Amino acid sequence: MSEEILSTELSTPAQPPAVLPAAAPAKQEFLPIAQQLDLITKGAAELIPAAGSTAPDALITRLETSRMTGKPLRIKAGFDPTAPDLHLGHTVLMRKLKHFQDLGHTVIFLIGDSTALIGDPTGRNVTRKPLTPEEIDVNARTYKEQVFKILDESKTEVRYNSEWLEELGYYDLVKLLAQFTVSQMLEREDFHKRFNGEQPIALHELVYPIAQGYDSVALECDVELGGTDQKFNLMRGRDLQKHFGQKPQIVLMTPILEGLDGVQKMSKSLGNAIGINEPAAEMYGKLMSINDDLMWRYWTFLTDLRQSEIDTMRATVERGDLHPMQAKKNLAHMITAGFHGAEEATAAAENWATQFQQKGVGSLEDLPEVSVSVSSEGLSAPKVDGGGVPQLRVAKLLQLCGLAASTGEATRKLLENAVSINGEKFIGKVLSREAFGETGTIRLGKKTVRIKWTA
């Protein structure tokens, strides 16, 4: 979509309200640009302007100016308080805010109490049921209690967009709406699908992206964070900032985090979420249940390690110098400690280890080791259309390990849900070698073995 604003006779903008923050304090010292980027761009799905861009409003340019002048950038992420409890998927943006905060920049935790009255239409095929102001207020207080488990409260600017949106008069609102056309709004995928499907689109829903865009004007943002599903809304902030004579914000988007199943986005309604208020033992146990592929995504999106540190750790695992199970334990402990403290995280780890051993697995070092050749006949499942990740036939693997006399017997045991891999029940027929791990465990009945892969 073109970022040009529709020119109309009402194009003279309403001036931003007098709620803008005070000027930045004394000059600060910032890390070299490369070190800042190592943390800032970790897990970023897309940057606008693009990473490496030489545009005047590019991220590197702004960081260089910030470092030269000692003036921190203003970073915003908005959250509509539509539900009282947060899960780890919600914390991805909060974690990215923390990265900017740790680097010395000004972060703004924006509570969308006014936009929550509309409800973000992103991903919706029906109009949201509006919340009452009382419900929004309760949820907003809960959000504030939870977000400071990640952010430093003393360094966080908490704002409510009712500060400026409720101050807009009818005339000013009309002038804002005049900057966009209905056809522009219908270019948004959600609206486009609903329009083509002859599903209702309420007029107030079309206002949501514009209201979010005006938040960036009121706060004079340098960078706005959001999920990849928020791109349309985030770009409206750039539109309106240009219209108001401000330098357009940088848009930094993060992917939607998968839940425990590693497939669907994390969602309480799908039963694959980890709530940040869940007990330490439950949080730790859920984190230990994820597969190895998802583990590395969680390292990226749910921790404060730099990407270079995560890459080094992954290389250590791939060399065999660190067991994937230990890497996962380290992840579970780090995340759990972040919300419950190191003492509770350690207790949760010890409790999980006890339960794990009570399942008959014991310590990994004590398990009998079985060498399995990755080129064993019948082990690899054919790739679909010649592509995709190589898959292992678990029934054949059970036979090669000596846990089943035949693939037929192994298949029956799989159907009976009698097989566990890496301590968790396995349901299915195939599994990637990467998901299994370089020295993973497989169990049938009371017998468990540790597999060592050979050429």
Protein backbone atom coordinates (compact mmCIF):
# COMPACT_ATOMS: atom_id res chain seq x y z
CA MET A 1 0.00 0.00 0.00
CA SER A 2 1.22 3.50 -0.74
CA GLU A 3 2.01 5.48 2.36
CA GLU A 4 0.74 8.68 0.77
CA ILE A 5 -2.06 10.41 2.65
CA LEU A 6 -5.26 11.38 0.94
CA SER A 7 -5.32 15.13 0.37
CA THR A 8 -8.64 16.74 1.19
CA GLU A 9 -9.94 20.12 2.12
CA LEU A 10 -9.90 18.90 5.70
CA SER A 11 -6.23 17.92 5.55
CA THR A 12 -5.04 20.57 8.01
CA PRO A 13 -4.38 18.40 11.05
CA ALA A 14 -5.56 18.82 14.55
CA GLN A 15 -2.50 19.63 16.63
CA PRO A 16 -1.34 16.87 18.96
CA PRO A 17 -2.71 17.35 22.48
CA ALA A 18 -0.64 18.92 25.20
CA VAL A 19 0.21 15.57 26.80
CA LEU A 20 3.56 15.06 25.16
CA PRO A 21 6.31 13.98 27.58
CA ALA A 22 8.96 16.32 28.84
CA ALA A 23 12.31 16.61 27.09
CA ALA A 24 14.85 13.85 27.67
CA PRO A 25 17.18 14.25 30.66
CA ALA A 26 20.94 14.68 30.53
CA LYS A 27 23.10 13.10 27.85
CA GLN A 28 23.48 9.34 28.14
CA GLU A 29 26.18 6.91 27.06
CA PHE A 30 25.08 4.11 24.72
CA LEU A 31 26.73 0.89 23.58
CA PRO A 32 28.24 0.68 20.08
CA ILE A 33 25.61 0.24 17.35
CA ALA A 34 26.56 -3.37 16.54
CA GLN A 35 26.10 -4.43 20.17
CA GLN A 36 22.73 -2.69 20.37
CA LEU A 37 21.55 -4.32 17.14
CA ASP A 38 22.59 -7.77 18.40
CA LEU A 39 19.90 -7.45 21.07
CA ILE A 40 17.34 -5.21 19.36
CA THR A 41 17.00 -7.22 16.16
CA LYS A 42 16.96 -10.60 17.90
CA GLY A 43 13.81 -12.37 16.72
CA ALA A 44 12.62 -9.46 14.58
CA ALA A 45 10.50 -10.71 11.69
CA GLU A 46 10.53 -7.42 9.78
CA LEU A 47 11.86 -3.89 10.09
CA ILE A 48 10.40 -0.91 8.22
CA PRO A 49 12.50 0.70 6.82
CA ALA A 50 14.27 -2.58 6.15
CA ALA A 51 17.31 -3.68 8.10
CA GLY A 52 20.43 -2.16 6.56
CA SER A 53 18.42 0.59 4.89
CA THR A 54 20.13 3.93 4.37
CA ALA A 55 16.82 5.81 4.61
CA PRO A 56 16.92 8.91 6.88
CA ASP A 57 14.53 7.23 9.32
CA ALA A 58 16.30 3.83 9.37
CA LEU A 59 17.07 2.16 12.68
CA ILE A 60 20.87 2.36 12.34
CA THR A 61 20.64 6.06 11.50
CA ARG A 62 18.52 6.80 14.55
CA LEU A 63 20.76 4.73 16.82
CA GLU A 64 23.80 6.60 15.53
CA THR A 65 22.11 9.95 16.19
CA SER A 66 21.01 8.77 19.62
CA ARG A 67 24.54 7.68 20.50
CA MET A 68 26.05 10.91 19.21
CA THR A 69 23.61 13.20 21.02
CA GLY A 70 23.11 11.07 24.12
CA LYS A 71 19.34 11.28 23.64
CA PRO A 72 17.46 7.98 24.04
CA LEU A 73 15.00 6.79 21.42
CA ARG A 74 11.31 6.62 22.32
CA ILE A 75 9.99 3.06 21.95
CA LYS A 76 6.32 2.20 22.22
CA ALA A 77 4.27 -0.98 22.38
CA GLY A 78 0.54 -0.81 22.92
CA PHE A 79 -1.65 -3.34 24.70
CA ASP A 80 -5.41 -3.26 24.83
CA PRO A 81 -6.55 -4.61 28.23
CA THR A 82 -9.11 -7.00 26.76
CA ALA A 83 -8.30 -9.91 29.10
CA PRO A 84 -7.05 -9.93 32.70
CA ASP A 85 -4.33 -12.58 32.43
CA LEU A 86 -1.25 -12.66 30.24
CA HIS A 87 0.62 -15.68 28.89
CA LEU A 88 4.17 -15.98 27.56
CA GLY A 89 3.01 -15.17 24.04
CA HIS A 90 1.97 -11.71 25.25
CA THR A 91 5.41 -11.13 26.75
CA VAL A 92 7.31 -11.25 23.44
CA LEU A 93 6.73 -7.54 22.84
CA MET A 94 7.29 -6.73 26.52
CA ARG A 95 10.61 -8.56 26.33
CA LYS A 96 11.58 -6.54 23.26
CA LEU A 97 10.67 -3.36 25.15
CA LYS A 98 12.99 -4.55 27.92
CA HIS A 99 15.83 -4.96 25.43
CA PHE A 100 15.53 -1.31 24.44
CA GLN A 101 15.20 -0.37 28.12
CA ASP A 102 18.34 -2.31 29.06
CA LEU A 103 20.19 -0.38 26.35
CA GLY A 104 19.16 2.93 27.90
CA HIS A 105 16.29 3.97 25.65
CA THR A 106 12.91 5.28 26.83
CA VAL A 107 10.19 2.64 26.68
CA ILE A 108 6.48 3.40 26.75
CA PHE A 109 4.05 0.77 27.93
CA LEU A 110 0.87 2.05 26.35
CA ILE A 111 -2.43 0.81 27.73
CA GLY A 112 -5.09 1.17 25.08
CA ASP A 113 -8.01 1.91 27.35
CA SER A 114 -9.75 3.96 24.63
CA THR A 115 -8.97 1.63 21.73
CA ALA A 116 -10.16 -1.29 23.88
CA LEU A 117 -13.64 0.24 23.67
CA ILE A 118 -13.47 -0.59 19.94
CA GLY A 119 -11.52 -3.83 20.13
CA ASP A 120 -8.70 -4.60 17.72
CA PRO A 121 -10.23 -6.28 14.66
CA THR A 122 -6.96 -8.02 13.79
CA GLY A 123 -7.62 -11.65 12.96
CA ARG A 124 -11.33 -11.33 13.65
CA ASN A 125 -14.07 -12.44 11.28
CA VAL A 126 -16.76 -10.92 13.47
CA THR A 127 -17.08 -7.65 15.34
CA ARG A 128 -15.77 -7.85 18.90
CA LYS A 129 -18.17 -7.57 21.78
CA PRO A 130 -17.35 -4.21 23.40
CA LEU A 131 -16.01 -4.12 26.93
CA THR A 132 -17.38 -1.76 29.53
CA PRO A 133 -15.12 0.98 30.94
CA GLU A 134 -15.25 -0.84 34.28
CA GLU A 135 -13.98 -4.10 32.74
CA ILE A 136 -11.20 -2.23 30.94
CA ASP A 137 -10.14 -0.52 34.15
CA VAL A 138 -9.90 -3.82 36.05
CA ASN A 139 -7.93 -5.45 33.24
CA ALA A 140 -5.60 -2.45 32.93
CA ARG A 141 -4.67 -2.65 36.61
CA THR A 142 -3.93 -6.35 36.21
CA TYR A 143 -1.75 -5.66 33.16
CA LYS A 144 0.32 -3.15 35.11
CA GLU A 145 0.88 -5.65 37.90
CA GLN A 146 2.08 -8.30 35.46
CA VAL A 147 4.20 -6.23 33.06
CA PHE A 148 6.61 -5.14 35.78
CA LYS A 149 7.70 -8.73 36.17
CA ILE A 150 9.62 -7.97 32.97
CA LEU A 151 10.11 -4.20 32.75
CA ASP A 152 11.78 -1.93 35.29
CA GLU A 153 8.90 0.11 36.69
CA SER A 154 11.15 3.04 37.64
CA LYS A 155 12.33 3.36 34.03
CA THR A 156 9.02 2.72 32.26
CA GLU A 157 6.68 5.40 30.97
CA VAL A 158 3.14 4.10 31.43
CA ARG A 159 0.54 5.91 29.36
CA TYR A 160 -3.16 5.51 28.55
CA ASN A 161 -4.34 6.52 25.11
CA SER A 162 -7.49 8.01 26.63
CA GLU A 163 -5.19 10.92 27.53
CA TRP A 164 -5.35 12.21 23.95
CA LEU A 165 -8.09 10.25 22.21
CA GLU A 166 -10.76 11.43 24.61
CA GLU A 167 -9.54 15.00 24.11
CA LEU A 168 -10.20 14.88 20.38
CA GLY A 169 -13.27 16.87 19.49
CA TYR A 170 -15.65 15.96 16.71
CA TYR A 171 -14.00 18.35 14.25
CA ASP A 172 -10.50 17.00 14.99
CA LEU A 173 -11.72 13.43 14.64
CA VAL A 174 -13.24 14.21 11.24
CA LYS A 175 -9.93 15.71 10.12
CA LEU A 176 -8.10 12.56 11.19
CA LEU A 177 -10.55 10.28 9.39
CA ALA A 178 -10.24 12.43 6.27
CA GLN A 179 -6.64 11.28 5.83
CA PHE A 180 -7.75 7.81 4.76
CA THR A 181 -10.19 6.28 2.29
CA VAL A 182 -12.52 3.35 2.71
CA SER A 183 -10.63 1.55 -0.06
CA GLN A 184 -7.40 1.92 1.96
CA MET A 185 -9.06 0.38 4.98
CA LEU A 186 -10.40 -2.50 2.88
CA GLU A 187 -6.87 -3.31 1.75
CA ARG A 188 -6.37 -4.66 5.24
CA GLU A 189 -6.60 -8.45 4.96
CA ASP A 190 -9.10 -8.91 7.79
CA PHE A 191 -11.52 -6.35 6.37
CA HIS A 192 -10.97 -7.53 2.80
CA LYS A 193 -11.92 -11.11 3.68
CA ARG A 194 -14.99 -10.03 5.60
CA PHE A 195 -16.08 -7.70 2.82
CA ASN A 196 -15.72 -10.41 0.16
CA GLY A 197 -17.47 -12.89 2.44
CA GLU A 198 -20.34 -10.43 2.91
CA GLN A 199 -19.71 -10.39 6.66
CA PRO A 200 -20.51 -7.20 8.56
CA ILE A 201 -17.81 -4.61 9.21
CA ALA A 202 -18.88 -2.03 11.76
CA LEU A 203 -17.80 1.55 11.06
CA HIS A 204 -16.12 1.92 14.43
CA GLU A 205 -13.77 -0.98 13.52
CA LEU A 206 -12.39 1.09 10.66
CA VAL A 207 -11.43 3.76 13.17
CA TYR A 208 -9.18 1.41 15.18
CA PRO A 209 -6.05 1.55 12.95
CA ILE A 210 -6.34 5.35 12.75
CA ALA A 211 -6.65 5.68 16.53
CA GLN A 212 -3.59 3.46 17.00
CA GLY A 213 -1.70 5.53 14.46
CA TYR A 214 -2.54 8.72 16.32
CA ASP A 215 -1.03 7.22 19.48
CA SER A 216 2.37 7.41 17.75
CA VAL A 217 1.79 11.09 16.93
CA ALA A 218 0.84 11.96 20.50
CA LEU A 219 3.87 10.13 21.92
CA GLU A 220 6.34 11.19 19.18
CA CYS A 221 7.57 7.62 18.84
CA ASP A 222 10.84 6.68 17.18
CA VAL A 223 9.99 2.97 17.13
CA GLU A 224 6.73 1.06 17.51
CA LEU A 225 6.72 -2.65 18.26
CA GLY A 226 4.03 -5.09 17.22
CA GLY A 227 3.32 -8.58 15.97
CA THR A 228 3.42 -9.40 12.28
CA ASP A 229 -0.39 -9.47 12.31
CA GLN A 230 -0.35 -5.79 13.31
CA LYS A 231 1.47 -4.46 10.23
CA PHE A 232 -1.49 -2.54 8.81
CA ASN A 233 -2.10 -0.72 12.10
CA LEU A 234 1.59 0.00 12.66
CA MET A 235 1.95 1.57 9.23
CA ARG A 236 -0.87 4.00 9.94
CA GLY A 237 1.34 5.47 12.64
CA ARG A 238 3.96 6.26 9.97
CA ASP A 239 1.26 7.81 7.78
CA LEU A 240 -0.05 10.12 10.45
CA GLN A 241 3.37 11.11 11.77
CA LYS A 242 4.38 12.27 8.30
CA HIS A 243 1.10 14.19 8.08
CA PHE A 244 1.84 15.94 11.37
CA GLY A 245 5.36 16.85 10.29
CA GLN A 246 7.09 14.22 12.45
CA LYS A 247 9.76 11.80 11.32
CA PRO A 248 7.93 8.50 10.61
CA GLN A 249 8.49 5.86 13.25
CA ILE A 250 10.41 2.67 12.63
CA VAL A 251 8.20 -0.41 12.71
CA LEU A 252 9.70 -3.52 14.31
CA MET A 253 7.56 -6.63 14.09
CA THR A 254 7.98 -9.95 15.88
CA PRO A 255 6.43 -13.27 14.85
CA ILE A 256 3.46 -14.78 16.64
CA LEU A 257 4.78 -17.25 19.22
CA GLU A 258 3.68 -20.86 18.95
CA GLY A 259 2.23 -22.59 21.97
CA LEU A 260 3.24 -25.86 23.60
CA ASP A 261 2.14 -27.87 20.57
CA GLY A 262 4.67 -26.04 18.39
CA VAL A 263 2.02 -25.45 15.72
CA GLN A 264 -0.81 -23.14 16.77
CA LYS A 265 -0.20 -19.68 18.19
CA MET A 266 -0.10 -19.61 21.97
CA SER A 267 -3.64 -19.21 23.23
CA LYS A 268 -5.46 -20.10 26.41
CA SER A 269 -8.52 -21.06 24.39
CA LEU A 270 -6.41 -23.62 22.49
CA GLY A 271 -5.01 -25.04 25.73
CA ASN A 272 -1.39 -24.58 24.62
CA ALA A 273 -0.47 -21.51 26.68
CA ILE A 274 1.78 -20.88 29.68
CA GLY A 275 0.32 -18.18 31.91
CA ILE A 276 2.84 -15.89 33.55
CA ASN A 277 0.96 -16.25 36.85
CA GLU A 278 0.96 -20.05 36.78
CA PRO A 279 2.75 -21.77 39.71
CA ALA A 280 6.47 -22.25 39.21
CA ALA A 281 6.25 -26.05 39.06
CA GLU A 282 3.55 -25.93 36.39
CA MET A 283 5.43 -23.35 34.34
CA TYR A 284 8.67 -25.32 34.52
CA GLY A 285 6.97 -28.60 33.62
CA LYS A 286 5.21 -27.11 30.61
CA LEU A 287 8.45 -25.62 29.32
CA MET A 288 10.15 -29.01 29.63
CA SER A 289 7.44 -30.53 27.43
CA ILE A 290 8.27 -28.50 24.32
CA ASN A 291 10.21 -30.03 21.43
CA ASP A 292 13.77 -29.01 20.57
CA ASP A 293 12.78 -26.86 17.58
CA LEU A 294 10.46 -24.79 19.73
CA MET A 295 13.07 -24.58 22.48
CA TRP A 296 15.32 -22.45 20.30
CA ARG A 297 12.47 -20.11 19.40
CA TYR A 298 11.69 -19.72 23.10
CA TRP A 299 15.35 -18.94 23.77
CA THR A 300 15.07 -16.17 21.18
CA PHE A 301 11.71 -14.67 22.10
CA LEU A 302 11.43 -15.27 25.84
CA THR A 303 14.91 -14.50 27.20
CA ASP A 304 17.28 -11.54 27.33
CA LEU A 305 20.25 -13.36 25.82
CA ARG A 306 21.70 -11.76 22.71
CA GLN A 307 21.25 -13.64 19.46
CA SER A 308 25.01 -14.22 19.23
CA GLU A 309 24.91 -15.95 22.64
CA ILE A 310 22.00 -18.17 21.56
CA ASP A 311 23.76 -19.08 18.31
CA THR A 312 26.87 -20.06 20.28
CA MET A 313 24.80 -22.24 22.62
CA ARG A 314 23.06 -23.96 19.72
CA ALA A 315 26.41 -24.70 18.10
CA THR A 316 27.57 -26.21 21.40
CA VAL A 317 24.54 -28.53 21.39
CA GLU A 318 25.09 -29.49 17.76
CA ARG A 319 28.73 -30.39 18.52
CA GLY A 320 27.55 -32.65 21.32
CA ASP A 321 29.22 -30.57 24.05
CA LEU A 322 25.86 -29.70 25.62
CA HIS A 323 22.93 -32.11 25.78
CA PRO A 324 19.66 -30.72 24.33
CA MET A 325 17.87 -31.77 27.52
CA GLN A 326 20.25 -29.64 29.60
CA ALA A 327 19.74 -26.69 27.25
CA LYS A 328 16.00 -27.08 27.78
CA LYS A 329 16.43 -27.30 31.55
CA ASN A 330 18.46 -24.10 31.47
CA LEU A 331 15.70 -22.40 29.46
CA ALA A 332 12.92 -23.59 31.78
CA HIS A 333 14.87 -22.46 34.84
CA MET A 334 15.67 -19.04 33.37
CA ILE A 335 12.08 -18.28 32.35
CA THR A 336 10.57 -19.64 35.57
CA ALA A 337 13.08 -17.70 37.69
CA GLY A 338 12.17 -14.52 35.83
CA PHE A 339 8.58 -14.74 37.07
CA HIS A 340 8.97 -16.59 40.38
CA GLY A 341 12.56 -16.10 41.53
CA ALA A 342 15.58 -18.40 41.41
CA GLU A 343 14.67 -20.32 44.58
CA GLU A 344 11.23 -21.36 43.33
CA ALA A 345 12.64 -22.18 39.89
CA THR A 346 15.25 -24.47 41.42
CA ALA A 347 12.59 -26.21 43.53
CA ALA A 348 10.45 -26.66 40.41
CA ALA A 349 13.43 -28.17 38.57
CA GLU A 350 14.10 -30.61 41.40
CA ASN A 351 10.42 -31.56 41.55
CA TRP A 352 10.33 -32.15 37.79
CA ALA A 353 13.49 -34.28 37.95
CA THR A 354 11.96 -36.41 40.69
CA GLN A 355 8.77 -36.94 38.71
CA PHE A 356 10.78 -37.67 35.58
CA GLN A 357 12.75 -40.37 37.36
CA GLN A 358 9.59 -41.81 38.93
CA LYS A 359 8.36 -42.45 35.41
CA GLY A 360 11.11 -45.01 35.15
CA VAL A 361 13.46 -42.91 33.06
CA GLY A 362 16.19 -42.26 35.62
CA SER A 363 19.13 -40.03 34.83
CA LEU A 364 20.22 -39.89 31.21
CA GLU A 365 23.73 -41.04 32.05
CA ASP A 366 22.42 -44.25 33.67
CA LEU A 367 20.29 -45.31 30.71
CA PRO A 368 21.50 -48.02 28.34
CA GLU A 369 22.78 -46.49 25.11
CA VAL A 370 21.80 -47.91 21.71
CA SER A 371 23.56 -46.89 18.51
CA VAL A 372 21.25 -46.36 15.55
CA SER A 373 22.42 -45.59 12.04
CA VAL A 374 20.54 -42.73 10.42
CA SER A 375 20.83 -44.62 7.13
CA SER A 376 19.11 -47.77 8.46
CA GLU A 377 16.77 -49.23 5.87
CA GLY A 378 13.16 -48.22 6.45
CA LEU A 379 13.96 -45.62 9.11
CA SER A 380 13.55 -42.47 7.03
CA ALA A 381 10.08 -41.54 5.84
CA PRO A 382 9.84 -40.20 2.28
CA LYS A 383 9.80 -36.43 1.94
CA VAL A 384 6.62 -34.86 0.61
CA ASP A 385 7.19 -33.60 -2.98
CA GLY A 386 10.91 -34.04 -2.46
CA GLY A 387 11.12 -31.30 0.18
CA GLY A 388 10.59 -30.72 3.87
CA VAL A 389 12.49 -31.85 6.94
CA PRO A 390 13.58 -35.55 6.95
CA GLN A 391 11.31 -37.60 9.20
CA LEU A 392 12.01 -40.78 11.16
CA ARG A 393 9.54 -43.67 11.32
CA VAL A 394 9.11 -44.12 15.05
CA ALA A 395 7.85 -47.71 14.67
CA LYS A 396 11.06 -48.66 12.84
CA LEU A 397 13.12 -46.82 15.45
CA LEU A 398 11.47 -48.87 18.23
CA GLN A 399 12.41 -52.05 16.40
CA LEU A 400 16.01 -50.94 15.80
CA CYS A 401 16.34 -50.07 19.50
CA GLY A 402 15.18 -53.54 20.52
CA LEU A 403 12.07 -52.21 22.23
CA ALA A 404 9.74 -54.01 19.80
CA ALA A 405 10.14 -57.30 17.96
CA SER A 406 8.70 -55.92 14.74
CA THR A 407 7.40 -52.70 13.22
CA GLY A 408 3.92 -54.20 13.41
CA GLU A 409 4.16 -54.60 17.17
CA ALA A 410 5.67 -51.11 17.46
CA THR A 411 2.81 -49.63 15.42
CA ARG A 412 0.26 -51.24 17.74
CA LYS A 413 2.06 -49.79 20.75
CA LEU A 414 2.04 -46.35 19.15
CA LEU A 415 -1.71 -46.62 18.63
CA GLU A 416 -2.04 -47.56 22.31
CA ASN A 417 -0.13 -44.37 23.28
CA ALA A 418 2.43 -46.57 25.04
CA VAL A 419 5.51 -44.79 23.69
CA SER A 420 7.34 -41.86 25.27
CA ILE A 421 10.09 -39.77 23.67
CA ASN A 422 12.29 -37.59 25.85
CA GLY A 423 10.01 -38.25 28.79
CA GLU A 424 6.77 -37.20 27.08
CA LYS A 425 4.00 -39.29 25.57
CA PHE A 426 4.38 -39.50 21.80
CA ILE A 427 1.36 -39.49 19.52
CA GLY A 428 1.96 -39.95 15.82
CA LYS A 429 4.00 -41.99 13.38
CA VAL A 430 6.97 -39.85 12.41
CA LEU A 431 9.28 -37.36 14.10
CA SER A 432 12.16 -35.27 12.80
CA ARG A 433 15.62 -36.20 14.00
CA GLU A 434 16.17 -32.62 15.16
CA ALA A 435 13.01 -32.74 17.28
CA PHE A 436 14.17 -36.08 18.73
CA GLY A 437 17.56 -34.69 19.69
CA GLU A 438 21.11 -35.90 19.17
CA THR A 439 20.95 -38.19 22.21
CA GLY A 440 17.26 -38.36 23.02
CA THR A 441 15.45 -41.09 24.94
CA ILE A 442 12.69 -43.43 23.83
CA ARG A 443 10.58 -45.61 26.11
CA LEU A 444 8.16 -48.49 25.61
CA GLY A 445 6.61 -50.09 28.66
CA LYS A 446 9.11 -50.11 31.49
CA LYS A 447 12.20 -50.06 29.27
CA THR A 448 13.94 -46.84 28.26
CA VAL A 449 17.05 -46.44 26.11
CA ARG A 450 19.21 -43.51 25.10
CA ILE A 451 19.87 -43.31 21.38
CA LYS A 452 23.23 -42.42 19.88
CA TRP A 453 23.04 -41.61 16.18
CA THR A 454 25.71 -42.95 13.83
CA ALA A 455 26.31 -42.40 10.13
